[in-house]
Amino acid sequence: MSNLIYRKNGDYFLPEMGLTETERQPLGKYGRMRLRYLKENRPGLYTRLILNGKLMEHLQETETTVQSRLEVIMNQLVEQNNVTEELKDWDQMAWVGAMNSIQNQAEEIIFAELIFI
């Protein structure tokens, strides 16, 4: 049980509550996607996370996990598709197209594994 500090406001005592360090950190793209998914498709889990005070922690953890997993998948796909710095030097547009394709493939994997579950 936590010890709350109350301050008097008129005739009422209100708890002094602030944001935790995790709640102060802004959400990235994938954390916001997870939040929207939870609200629209998993309202029970969304409500449970809010009531337990774990929603922001869950979203920040999702963001961190997605970022690290995305990096691993992208590196694997770059290697598999033989997208090299030589290609970048020789034909930048082909390199950009290949990297965009790899990014999209990696994000589709991430969405299925971590965001929309």
N, C-alpha and C. Protein backbone atom coordinates (compact mmCIF):
# COMPACT_ATOMS: atom_id res chain seq x y z
N MET A 1 0.84 -1.17 0.00
CA MET A 1 0.00 0.00 0.00
C MET A 1 0.89 1.24 0.00
N SER A 2 0.60 2.18 -0.88
CA SER A 2 1.44 3.37 -0.98
C SER A 2 0.94 4.46 -0.05
N ASN A 3 1.87 5.29 0.37
CA ASN A 3 1.53 6.41 1.23
C ASN A 3 1.33 7.64 0.36
N LEU A 4 0.11 8.11 0.28
CA LEU A 4 -0.18 9.29 -0.51
C LEU A 4 -0.16 10.52 0.37
N ILE A 5 0.26 11.61 -0.20
CA ILE A 5 0.26 12.90 0.49
C ILE A 5 -0.94 13.68 -0.04
N TYR A 6 -1.73 14.23 0.87
CA TYR A 6 -2.92 14.97 0.50
C TYR A 6 -2.72 16.45 0.80
N ARG A 7 -3.30 17.28 -0.04
CA ARG A 7 -3.30 18.71 0.23
C ARG A 7 -4.74 19.20 0.23
N LYS A 8 -5.00 20.20 1.06
CA LYS A 8 -6.36 20.70 1.18
C LYS A 8 -6.63 21.71 0.07
N ASN A 9 -7.74 21.49 -0.62
CA ASN A 9 -8.16 22.39 -1.68
C ASN A 9 -9.61 22.77 -1.38
N GLY A 10 -9.81 23.93 -0.78
CA GLY A 10 -11.14 24.32 -0.35
C GLY A 10 -11.57 23.43 0.80
N ASP A 11 -12.67 22.75 0.64
CA ASP A 11 -13.18 21.84 1.66
C ASP A 11 -12.73 20.40 1.45
N TYR A 12 -11.93 20.17 0.41
CA TYR A 12 -11.57 18.80 0.04
C TYR A 12 -10.08 18.55 0.20
N PHE A 13 -9.74 17.32 0.50
CA PHE A 13 -8.36 16.88 0.50
C PHE A 13 -8.12 16.08 -0.79
N LEU A 14 -7.18 16.54 -1.58
CA LEU A 14 -6.88 15.88 -2.85
C LEU A 14 -5.49 15.26 -2.78
N PRO A 15 -5.34 14.07 -3.33
CA PRO A 15 -4.01 13.44 -3.31
C PRO A 15 -3.08 14.16 -4.28
N GLU A 16 -1.83 14.28 -3.88
CA GLU A 16 -0.82 14.85 -4.77
C GLU A 16 -0.23 13.70 -5.56
N MET A 17 -0.62 13.67 -6.81
CA MET A 17 -0.17 12.59 -7.67
C MET A 17 0.57 13.19 -8.85
N GLY A 18 1.63 12.54 -9.24
CA GLY A 18 2.40 12.99 -10.39
C GLY A 18 2.66 11.83 -11.32
N LEU A 19 3.25 12.15 -12.43
CA LEU A 19 3.59 11.13 -13.41
C LEU A 19 4.89 10.44 -13.01
N THR A 20 4.95 9.16 -13.27
CA THR A 20 6.20 8.43 -13.04
C THR A 20 7.15 8.74 -14.19
N GLU A 21 8.40 8.34 -14.03
CA GLU A 21 9.40 8.57 -15.08
C GLU A 21 8.98 7.89 -16.38
N THR A 22 8.42 6.70 -16.30
CA THR A 22 7.97 5.98 -17.48
C THR A 22 6.84 6.74 -18.17
N GLU A 23 5.93 7.30 -17.40
CA GLU A 23 4.80 8.02 -17.98
C GLU A 23 5.21 9.34 -18.61
N ARG A 24 6.34 9.89 -18.22
CA ARG A 24 6.82 11.16 -18.79
C ARG A 24 7.45 10.98 -20.16
N GLN A 25 7.93 9.78 -20.44
CA GLN A 25 8.59 9.54 -21.71
C GLN A 25 7.56 9.50 -22.83
N PRO A 26 7.82 10.19 -23.94
CA PRO A 26 6.85 10.16 -25.05
C PRO A 26 6.84 8.80 -25.73
N LEU A 27 5.68 8.43 -26.24
CA LEU A 27 5.55 7.17 -26.95
C LEU A 27 6.01 7.33 -28.39
N GLY A 28 6.65 6.31 -28.89
CA GLY A 28 7.06 6.29 -30.28
C GLY A 28 5.94 5.75 -31.16
N LYS A 29 6.23 5.59 -32.43
CA LYS A 29 5.27 5.12 -33.42
C LYS A 29 4.64 3.79 -33.03
N TYR A 30 5.46 2.84 -32.62
CA TYR A 30 4.96 1.50 -32.34
C TYR A 30 4.20 1.42 -31.03
N GLY A 31 4.58 2.22 -30.05
CA GLY A 31 3.84 2.30 -28.80
C GLY A 31 2.45 2.87 -29.03
N ARG A 32 2.37 3.90 -29.88
CA ARG A 32 1.07 4.49 -30.20
C ARG A 32 0.19 3.52 -31.00
N MET A 33 0.82 2.74 -31.89
CA MET A 33 0.06 1.74 -32.64
C MET A 33 -0.51 0.67 -31.70
N ARG A 34 0.32 0.24 -30.74
CA ARG A 34 -0.13 -0.76 -29.77
C ARG A 34 -1.27 -0.21 -28.93
N LEU A 35 -1.16 1.05 -28.51
CA LEU A 35 -2.21 1.69 -27.72
C LEU A 35 -3.52 1.71 -28.50
N ARG A 36 -3.48 2.12 -29.76
CA ARG A 36 -4.69 2.16 -30.58
C ARG A 36 -5.28 0.76 -30.74
N TYR A 37 -4.41 -0.23 -30.97
CA TYR A 37 -4.89 -1.60 -31.12
C TYR A 37 -5.58 -2.08 -29.84
N LEU A 38 -4.96 -1.82 -28.69
CA LEU A 38 -5.55 -2.25 -27.43
C LEU A 38 -6.91 -1.59 -27.20
N LYS A 39 -7.01 -0.30 -27.46
CA LYS A 39 -8.28 0.41 -27.27
C LYS A 39 -9.38 -0.16 -28.16
N GLU A 40 -9.04 -0.41 -29.42
CA GLU A 40 -10.06 -0.80 -30.39
C GLU A 40 -10.37 -2.29 -30.39
N ASN A 41 -9.37 -3.14 -30.10
CA ASN A 41 -9.56 -4.57 -30.29
C ASN A 41 -9.45 -5.41 -29.02
N ARG A 42 -8.84 -4.88 -27.99
CA ARG A 42 -8.65 -5.63 -26.74
C ARG A 42 -9.05 -4.76 -25.55
N PRO A 43 -10.30 -4.32 -25.49
CA PRO A 43 -10.70 -3.39 -24.43
C PRO A 43 -10.54 -3.95 -23.02
N GLY A 44 -10.68 -5.26 -22.86
CA GLY A 44 -10.50 -5.87 -21.53
C GLY A 44 -9.07 -5.74 -21.05
N LEU A 45 -8.12 -6.08 -21.91
CA LEU A 45 -6.70 -5.96 -21.57
C LEU A 45 -6.33 -4.50 -21.36
N TYR A 46 -6.85 -3.63 -22.22
CA TYR A 46 -6.58 -2.19 -22.11
C TYR A 46 -7.04 -1.67 -20.74
N THR A 47 -8.25 -2.03 -20.34
CA THR A 47 -8.79 -1.58 -19.06
C THR A 47 -7.99 -2.15 -17.90
N ARG A 48 -7.64 -3.43 -17.99
CA ARG A 48 -6.85 -4.06 -16.93
C ARG A 48 -5.49 -3.37 -16.76
N LEU A 49 -4.84 -3.05 -17.88
CA LEU A 49 -3.54 -2.37 -17.80
C LEU A 49 -3.68 -0.98 -17.18
N ILE A 50 -4.75 -0.28 -17.52
CA ILE A 50 -4.98 1.05 -16.92
C ILE A 50 -5.21 0.93 -15.42
N LEU A 51 -6.09 0.00 -15.03
CA LEU A 51 -6.43 -0.14 -13.61
C LEU A 51 -5.23 -0.59 -12.77
N ASN A 52 -4.35 -1.38 -13.34
CA ASN A 52 -3.15 -1.82 -12.63
C ASN A 52 -2.02 -0.80 -12.68
N GLY A 53 -2.22 0.27 -13.45
CA GLY A 53 -1.19 1.29 -13.59
C GLY A 53 -0.01 0.82 -14.43
N LYS A 54 -0.25 -0.13 -15.30
CA LYS A 54 0.84 -0.73 -16.10
C LYS A 54 0.76 -0.38 -17.58
N LEU A 55 -0.19 0.43 -17.99
CA LEU A 55 -0.37 0.70 -19.42
C LEU A 55 0.87 1.35 -20.03
N MET A 56 1.34 2.44 -19.44
CA MET A 56 2.49 3.13 -20.03
C MET A 56 3.74 2.26 -19.99
N GLU A 57 3.89 1.50 -18.94
CA GLU A 57 5.03 0.57 -18.85
C GLU A 57 4.96 -0.45 -19.99
N HIS A 58 3.77 -0.99 -20.22
CA HIS A 58 3.56 -1.96 -21.29
C HIS A 58 3.88 -1.34 -22.66
N LEU A 59 3.40 -0.11 -22.88
CA LEU A 59 3.61 0.55 -24.17
C LEU A 59 5.09 0.89 -24.38
N GLN A 60 5.76 1.35 -23.33
CA GLN A 60 7.20 1.65 -23.45
C GLN A 60 7.99 0.37 -23.71
N GLU A 61 7.62 -0.70 -23.03
CA GLU A 61 8.30 -1.99 -23.24
C GLU A 61 8.08 -2.49 -24.67
N THR A 62 6.86 -2.32 -25.16
CA THR A 62 6.56 -2.70 -26.55
C THR A 62 7.42 -1.91 -27.51
N GLU A 63 7.51 -0.61 -27.30
CA GLU A 63 8.32 0.26 -28.17
C GLU A 63 9.79 -0.19 -28.19
N THR A 64 10.34 -0.44 -27.02
CA THR A 64 11.74 -0.87 -26.92
C THR A 64 11.96 -2.21 -27.60
N THR A 65 11.06 -3.15 -27.34
CA THR A 65 11.18 -4.48 -27.93
C THR A 65 11.08 -4.42 -29.45
N VAL A 66 10.13 -3.63 -29.94
CA VAL A 66 9.95 -3.50 -31.39
C VAL A 66 11.20 -2.90 -32.03
N GLN A 67 11.74 -1.86 -31.42
CA GLN A 67 12.93 -1.21 -32.00
C GLN A 67 14.09 -2.19 -32.11
N SER A 68 14.35 -2.95 -31.07
CA SER A 68 15.47 -3.90 -31.11
C SER A 68 15.19 -5.04 -32.08
N ARG A 69 13.96 -5.54 -32.09
CA ARG A 69 13.60 -6.63 -33.02
C ARG A 69 13.65 -6.15 -34.47
N LEU A 70 13.21 -4.93 -34.71
CA LEU A 70 13.23 -4.35 -36.05
C LEU A 70 14.65 -4.27 -36.58
N GLU A 71 15.57 -3.86 -35.74
CA GLU A 71 16.97 -3.77 -36.14
C GLU A 71 17.52 -5.15 -36.54
N VAL A 72 17.22 -6.17 -35.75
CA VAL A 72 17.69 -7.53 -36.03
C VAL A 72 17.10 -8.03 -37.36
N ILE A 73 15.80 -7.86 -37.53
CA ILE A 73 15.14 -8.35 -38.74
C ILE A 73 15.67 -7.62 -39.97
N MET A 74 15.83 -6.30 -39.85
CA MET A 74 16.33 -5.51 -40.99
C MET A 74 17.72 -5.98 -41.39
N ASN A 75 18.59 -6.21 -40.41
CA ASN A 75 19.94 -6.68 -40.73
C ASN A 75 19.90 -8.03 -41.43
N GLN A 76 19.03 -8.93 -40.97
CA GLN A 76 18.90 -10.24 -41.61
C GLN A 76 18.40 -10.11 -43.05
N LEU A 77 17.40 -9.26 -43.25
CA LEU A 77 16.84 -9.09 -44.60
C LEU A 77 17.83 -8.41 -45.54
N VAL A 78 18.60 -7.46 -45.02
CA VAL A 78 19.62 -6.80 -45.85
C VAL A 78 20.64 -7.83 -46.31
N GLU A 79 21.04 -8.69 -45.41
CA GLU A 79 22.02 -9.73 -45.75
C GLU A 79 21.43 -10.73 -46.74
N GLN A 80 20.20 -11.16 -46.51
CA GLN A 80 19.56 -12.14 -47.40
C GLN A 80 19.37 -11.59 -48.81
N ASN A 81 19.03 -10.30 -48.92
CA ASN A 81 18.75 -9.69 -50.22
C ASN A 81 20.00 -9.08 -50.87
N ASN A 82 21.13 -9.23 -50.20
CA ASN A 82 22.41 -8.74 -50.73
C ASN A 82 22.37 -7.24 -51.07
N VAL A 83 21.80 -6.47 -50.17
CA VAL A 83 21.76 -5.01 -50.31
C VAL A 83 23.01 -4.47 -49.62
N THR A 84 23.97 -3.99 -50.41
CA THR A 84 25.27 -3.61 -49.89
C THR A 84 25.53 -2.12 -50.09
N GLU A 85 26.60 -1.66 -49.49
CA GLU A 85 27.03 -0.28 -49.69
C GLU A 85 27.49 -0.06 -51.13
N GLU A 86 27.96 -1.11 -51.77
CA GLU A 86 28.35 -1.00 -53.17
C GLU A 86 27.14 -0.67 -54.04
N LEU A 87 26.01 -1.30 -53.75
CA LEU A 87 24.78 -0.98 -54.47
C LEU A 87 24.40 0.47 -54.22
N LYS A 88 24.56 0.92 -53.01
CA LYS A 88 24.24 2.31 -52.67
C LYS A 88 25.10 3.28 -53.48
N ASP A 89 26.39 2.95 -53.62
CA ASP A 89 27.29 3.81 -54.39
C ASP A 89 26.99 3.74 -55.89
N TRP A 90 26.62 2.55 -56.37
CA TRP A 90 26.43 2.34 -57.79
C TRP A 90 25.06 2.84 -58.27
N ASP A 91 23.99 2.54 -57.52
CA ASP A 91 22.63 2.91 -57.91
C ASP A 91 21.81 3.24 -56.67
N GLN A 92 21.83 4.53 -56.31
CA GLN A 92 21.16 4.95 -55.07
C GLN A 92 19.67 4.67 -55.08
N MET A 93 19.01 4.89 -56.19
CA MET A 93 17.56 4.68 -56.25
C MET A 93 17.20 3.21 -56.04
N ALA A 94 17.99 2.31 -56.59
CA ALA A 94 17.75 0.88 -56.37
C ALA A 94 17.97 0.53 -54.91
N TRP A 95 19.00 1.13 -54.31
CA TRP A 95 19.30 0.87 -52.89
C TRP A 95 18.15 1.38 -52.01
N VAL A 96 17.67 2.59 -52.30
CA VAL A 96 16.56 3.17 -51.52
C VAL A 96 15.32 2.30 -51.67
N GLY A 97 15.03 1.87 -52.88
CA GLY A 97 13.87 1.01 -53.11
C GLY A 97 13.99 -0.30 -52.35
N ALA A 98 15.18 -0.90 -52.40
CA ALA A 98 15.40 -2.16 -51.68
C ALA A 98 15.27 -1.96 -50.18
N MET A 99 15.83 -0.88 -49.65
CA MET A 99 15.74 -0.63 -48.20
C MET A 99 14.30 -0.36 -47.77
N ASN A 100 13.54 0.38 -48.59
CA ASN A 100 12.13 0.62 -48.26
C ASN A 100 11.34 -0.69 -48.25
N SER A 101 11.63 -1.54 -49.21
CA SER A 101 10.97 -2.85 -49.27
C SER A 101 11.32 -3.68 -48.03
N ILE A 102 12.58 -3.66 -47.65
CA ILE A 102 13.02 -4.40 -46.46
C ILE A 102 12.37 -3.84 -45.20
N GLN A 103 12.29 -2.53 -45.12
CA GLN A 103 11.64 -1.88 -43.96
C GLN A 103 10.18 -2.32 -43.86
N ASN A 104 9.48 -2.33 -45.00
CA ASN A 104 8.08 -2.75 -45.00
C ASN A 104 7.93 -4.21 -44.62
N GLN A 105 8.80 -5.07 -45.11
CA GLN A 105 8.76 -6.49 -44.75
C GLN A 105 8.99 -6.67 -43.25
N ALA A 106 9.98 -5.98 -42.73
CA ALA A 106 10.30 -6.08 -41.30
C ALA A 106 9.13 -5.59 -40.45
N GLU A 107 8.51 -4.48 -40.85
CA GLU A 107 7.39 -3.96 -40.08
C GLU A 107 6.20 -4.92 -40.11
N GLU A 108 5.95 -5.56 -41.23
CA GLU A 108 4.85 -6.53 -41.30
C GLU A 108 5.10 -7.69 -40.31
N ILE A 109 6.32 -8.14 -40.22
CA ILE A 109 6.67 -9.19 -39.27
C ILE A 109 6.45 -8.70 -37.85
N ILE A 110 6.92 -7.49 -37.56
CA ILE A 110 6.77 -6.89 -36.23
C ILE A 110 5.30 -6.73 -35.86
N PHE A 111 4.49 -6.26 -36.81
CA PHE A 111 3.07 -6.08 -36.52
C PHE A 111 2.42 -7.40 -36.11
N ALA A 112 2.75 -8.46 -36.83
CA ALA A 112 2.16 -9.76 -36.53
C ALA A 112 2.67 -10.33 -35.21
N GLU A 113 3.95 -10.09 -34.90
CA GLU A 113 4.56 -10.67 -33.69
C GLU A 113 4.30 -9.88 -32.42
N LEU A 114 4.29 -8.55 -32.51
CA LEU A 114 4.32 -7.76 -31.29
C LEU A 114 3.21 -6.72 -31.13
N ILE A 115 2.70 -6.19 -32.21
CA ILE A 115 1.74 -5.09 -32.10
C ILE A 115 0.31 -5.60 -32.06
N PHE A 116 -0.06 -6.39 -33.05
CA PHE A 116 -1.46 -6.80 -33.21
C PHE A 116 -1.72 -8.20 -32.66
N ILE A 117 -1.34 -8.41 -31.41
CA ILE A 117 -1.60 -9.69 -30.76
C ILE A 117 -2.42 -9.46 -29.50
